N, C-alpha and C. Protein backbone atom coordinates (compact mmCIF):
# COMPACT_ATOMS: atom_id res chain seq x y z
N UNK A 1 1.02 -1.02 -0.12
CA UNK A 1 0.17 0.08 -0.27
C UNK A 1 0.96 1.22 -0.09
N UNK A 2 0.61 2.09 -0.95
CA UNK A 2 1.48 3.06 -0.75
C UNK A 2 1.00 4.40 0.17
N UNK A 3 2.15 5.14 0.68
CA UNK A 3 1.98 6.17 1.75
C UNK A 3 1.15 7.02 1.16
N UNK A 4 0.38 7.24 2.10
CA UNK A 4 -0.72 8.78 1.78
C UNK A 4 -0.08 10.14 1.73
N UNK A 5 0.09 10.99 0.63
CA UNK A 5 0.83 12.16 1.07
C UNK A 5 0.13 12.99 0.03
N UNK A 6 -0.32 14.09 0.60
CA UNK A 6 -0.94 15.02 0.11
C UNK A 6 -1.15 16.58 0.40
N UNK A 7 -1.19 17.53 -0.23
CA UNK A 7 -1.29 18.67 0.34
C UNK A 7 -2.64 19.30 0.52
N UNK A 8 -3.23 19.85 1.56
CA UNK A 8 -4.36 20.22 1.90
C UNK A 8 -4.20 21.45 2.72
N UNK A 9 -4.73 22.60 2.25
CA UNK A 9 -4.37 24.27 2.61
C UNK A 9 -3.42 24.48 3.07
N UNK A 10 -2.27 23.97 2.43
CA UNK A 10 -1.11 24.38 2.38
C UNK A 10 0.10 23.24 3.39
N UNK A 11 -0.52 22.67 3.89
CA UNK A 11 -0.02 21.72 4.76
C UNK A 11 0.37 20.39 4.47
N UNK A 12 1.19 19.39 4.52
CA UNK A 12 1.64 18.21 4.27
C UNK A 12 1.23 17.23 4.97
N UNK A 13 0.43 16.39 4.51
CA UNK A 13 -0.13 15.31 5.02
C UNK A 13 0.76 14.04 4.79
N UNK A 14 0.76 13.20 5.69
CA UNK A 14 1.72 12.02 5.59
C UNK A 14 0.72 10.97 6.36
N UNK A 15 0.35 10.03 5.93
CA UNK A 15 0.02 8.80 6.58
C UNK A 15 -0.90 9.28 8.16
N UNK A 16 -1.72 9.82 7.39
CA UNK A 16 -3.01 10.85 8.38
C UNK A 16 -2.24 11.76 9.14
N UNK A 17 -1.33 12.25 9.20
CA UNK A 17 -0.66 13.19 10.34
C UNK A 17 -0.10 14.51 9.51
N UNK A 18 -0.27 15.66 9.93
CA UNK A 18 0.01 16.77 9.66
C UNK A 18 1.39 16.91 9.94
N UNK A 19 2.67 17.61 9.25
CA UNK A 19 3.85 18.03 9.64
C UNK A 19 3.78 19.02 10.65
N UNK A 20 2.77 20.36 10.32
CA UNK A 20 3.09 21.18 11.25
C UNK A 20 1.45 21.56 11.69
N UNK A 21 1.45 22.31 12.79
CA UNK A 21 -0.11 22.60 13.33
C UNK A 21 -0.13 24.18 12.88
N UNK A 22 -0.77 24.56 12.13
CA UNK A 22 -1.30 25.79 11.67
C UNK A 22 -2.36 25.90 11.99
N UNK A 23 -2.70 27.23 12.71
CA UNK A 23 -3.88 28.19 12.99
C UNK A 23 -4.16 28.85 12.09
N UNK A 24 -5.42 29.21 11.56
CA UNK A 24 -6.23 29.49 10.48
C UNK A 24 -7.46 30.61 11.39
N UNK A 25 -7.15 31.81 11.15
CA UNK A 25 -7.79 32.87 11.70
C UNK A 25 -9.18 32.81 10.79
N UNK A 26 -10.20 33.47 11.43
CA UNK A 26 -11.67 33.59 10.94
C UNK A 26 -11.65 33.47 9.80
N UNK A 27 -11.10 34.93 9.08
CA UNK A 27 -11.26 35.44 7.62
C UNK A 27 -10.81 34.16 6.71
N UNK A 28 -9.98 33.67 7.09
CA UNK A 28 -9.18 32.33 6.14
C UNK A 28 -10.18 31.09 6.07
N UNK A 29 -10.82 31.03 7.18
CA UNK A 29 -11.51 29.91 7.39
C UNK A 29 -12.86 30.16 6.60
N UNK A 30 -13.35 31.30 6.75
CA UNK A 30 -14.41 31.64 5.96
C UNK A 30 -14.26 31.57 4.25
N UNK A 31 -12.64 32.10 3.91
CA UNK A 31 -12.58 32.01 2.47
C UNK A 31 -12.48 30.39 2.06
N UNK A 32 -11.82 29.51 3.03
CA UNK A 32 -11.78 28.37 2.44
C UNK A 32 -12.93 27.39 2.29
N UNK A 33 -13.90 27.53 2.96
CA UNK A 33 -15.09 26.45 3.31
C UNK A 33 -16.30 27.41 2.50
N UNK A 34 -16.23 28.52 2.51
CA UNK A 34 -17.14 29.61 1.71
C UNK A 34 -18.24 29.76 2.68
N UNK A 35 -18.08 29.56 3.93
CA UNK A 35 -19.47 30.02 4.94
C UNK A 35 -19.01 31.20 5.48
N UNK A 36 -20.11 31.97 5.61
CA UNK A 36 -19.92 33.05 6.56
C UNK A 36 -20.00 33.03 8.31
N UNK A 37 -19.74 34.28 8.70
CA UNK A 37 -19.51 34.33 10.26
C UNK A 37 -20.54 33.83 11.11
N UNK A 38 -21.82 34.23 10.53
CA UNK A 38 -22.76 33.60 11.38
C UNK A 38 -22.89 32.25 10.67
N UNK A 39 -22.90 31.49 10.11
CA UNK A 39 -23.46 30.50 9.84
C UNK A 39 -22.30 29.31 10.26
N UNK A 40 -20.69 29.72 10.47
CA UNK A 40 -19.92 29.11 10.82
C UNK A 40 -20.22 29.00 12.64
N UNK A 41 -20.63 30.19 13.22
CA UNK A 41 -20.86 29.87 14.52
C UNK A 41 -22.26 29.07 14.88
N UNK A 42 -23.09 29.10 13.96
CA UNK A 42 -24.28 28.77 14.09
C UNK A 42 -23.83 26.76 13.81
N UNK A 43 -23.18 26.76 13.11
CA UNK A 43 -22.40 25.15 12.78
C UNK A 43 -21.86 24.95 14.38
N UNK A 44 -20.83 25.40 15.10
CA UNK A 44 -20.53 25.04 15.76
C UNK A 44 -21.38 24.98 17.04
N UNK A 45 -22.30 25.64 17.05
CA UNK A 45 -23.71 25.55 18.24
C UNK A 45 -24.36 24.43 18.06
N UNK A 46 -24.26 23.94 16.79
CA UNK A 46 -25.06 22.67 16.53
C UNK A 46 -24.17 21.59 16.57
N UNK A 47 -22.88 21.47 16.81
CA UNK A 47 -21.84 20.62 16.92
C UNK A 47 -21.26 20.06 15.49
N UNK A 48 -21.37 20.89 14.52
CA UNK A 48 -21.41 20.17 13.00
C UNK A 48 -20.11 20.83 12.18
N UNK A 49 -19.47 21.60 13.12
CA UNK A 49 -18.08 22.18 12.35
C UNK A 49 -17.24 22.28 13.71
N UNK A 50 -15.91 22.04 13.74
CA UNK A 50 -15.02 22.19 14.79
C UNK A 50 -15.02 23.53 15.49
N UNK A 51 -14.60 23.28 16.60
CA UNK A 51 -14.56 24.39 17.75
C UNK A 51 -13.12 25.02 17.36
N UNK A 52 -13.52 26.33 17.76
CA UNK A 52 -11.77 27.18 17.57
C UNK A 52 -11.15 26.87 18.67
N UNK A 53 -9.80 27.25 18.79
CA UNK A 53 -8.81 27.21 19.80
C UNK A 53 -8.92 28.46 20.24
N UNK A 54 -9.05 28.86 21.71
CA UNK A 54 -8.60 30.35 22.05
C UNK A 54 -7.21 30.63 22.15
N UNK A 55 -7.07 31.76 21.36
CA UNK A 55 -5.32 32.12 21.36
C UNK A 55 -5.09 33.08 22.38
N UNK A 56 -6.24 34.03 22.63
CA UNK A 56 -6.10 35.28 23.72
C UNK A 56 -7.31 35.19 24.27
N UNK A 57 -7.30 36.67 24.99
CA UNK A 57 -8.52 36.93 25.51
C UNK A 57 -9.87 37.19 24.35
N UNK A 58 -9.46 37.83 23.66
CA UNK A 58 -10.43 37.95 22.22
C UNK A 58 -10.08 37.75 21.08
N UNK A 59 -9.43 36.56 20.97
CA UNK A 59 -8.87 35.87 19.70
C UNK A 59 -9.12 34.01 19.69
N UNK A 60 -9.24 33.46 18.54
CA UNK A 60 -9.32 32.42 18.29
C UNK A 60 -9.39 32.06 17.09
N UNK A 61 -8.64 30.84 16.87
CA UNK A 61 -8.16 30.36 15.49
C UNK A 61 -8.78 28.91 15.14
N UNK A 62 -8.23 28.44 14.00
CA UNK A 62 -9.23 26.78 13.88
C UNK A 62 -7.59 26.32 13.47
N UNK A 63 -7.31 24.96 13.91
CA UNK A 63 -6.49 24.10 13.44
C UNK A 63 -6.70 23.83 12.19
N UNK A 64 -5.67 23.99 11.36
CA UNK A 64 -6.14 23.65 9.56
C UNK A 64 -6.23 22.37 9.49
N UNK A 65 -5.84 21.57 10.51
CA UNK A 65 -6.03 19.89 10.22
C UNK A 65 -7.52 19.87 10.47
N UNK A 66 -8.16 20.11 11.32
CA UNK A 66 -9.66 20.17 11.92
C UNK A 66 -10.68 20.57 10.64
N UNK A 67 -10.04 21.85 10.18
CA UNK A 67 -10.57 22.18 8.72
C UNK A 67 -10.54 21.36 7.80
N UNK A 68 -9.29 20.74 7.56
CA UNK A 68 -9.25 19.85 6.49
C UNK A 68 -10.05 18.78 6.58
N UNK A 69 -10.01 18.20 7.85
CA UNK A 69 -10.74 16.75 8.35
C UNK A 69 -12.44 16.99 7.89
N UNK A 70 -12.69 18.58 8.48
CA UNK A 70 -14.39 18.94 8.16
C UNK A 70 -14.61 18.75 6.75
N UNK A 71 -13.32 19.30 5.97
CA UNK A 71 -13.88 19.35 4.66
C UNK A 71 -13.81 18.17 3.89
N UNK A 72 -13.16 17.25 4.21
CA UNK A 72 -13.04 15.61 3.99
C UNK A 72 -14.14 15.14 4.29
N UNK A 73 -14.86 15.21 5.13
CA UNK A 73 -15.90 14.38 5.77
C UNK A 73 -17.07 14.88 5.23
N UNK A 74 -17.05 16.47 4.47
CA UNK A 74 -18.25 16.80 3.65
C UNK A 74 -18.20 16.35 2.20
N UNK A 75 -17.10 15.98 1.74
CA UNK A 75 -16.99 15.48 0.31
C UNK A 75 -17.17 14.00 0.20
N UNK A 76 -17.37 13.45 1.36
CA UNK A 76 -17.74 11.80 1.42
C UNK A 76 -18.85 11.66 1.10
């Protein structure tokens, strides 16, 4: 079986593991997913979108791997 390697959102994926952990801020997540801010937060409340990681008092971001996994699950 061939080792799975591909690039998703700029991160290198090898055997299901990402080489680096990149944090994406909300505007980038909106751009990648095509969802609006209100839709993102509504889906988080429903449990159908990954929760953000708290970066500071008033800052959050999403793990790039979580967003890539969510996109993969939507394509299936």
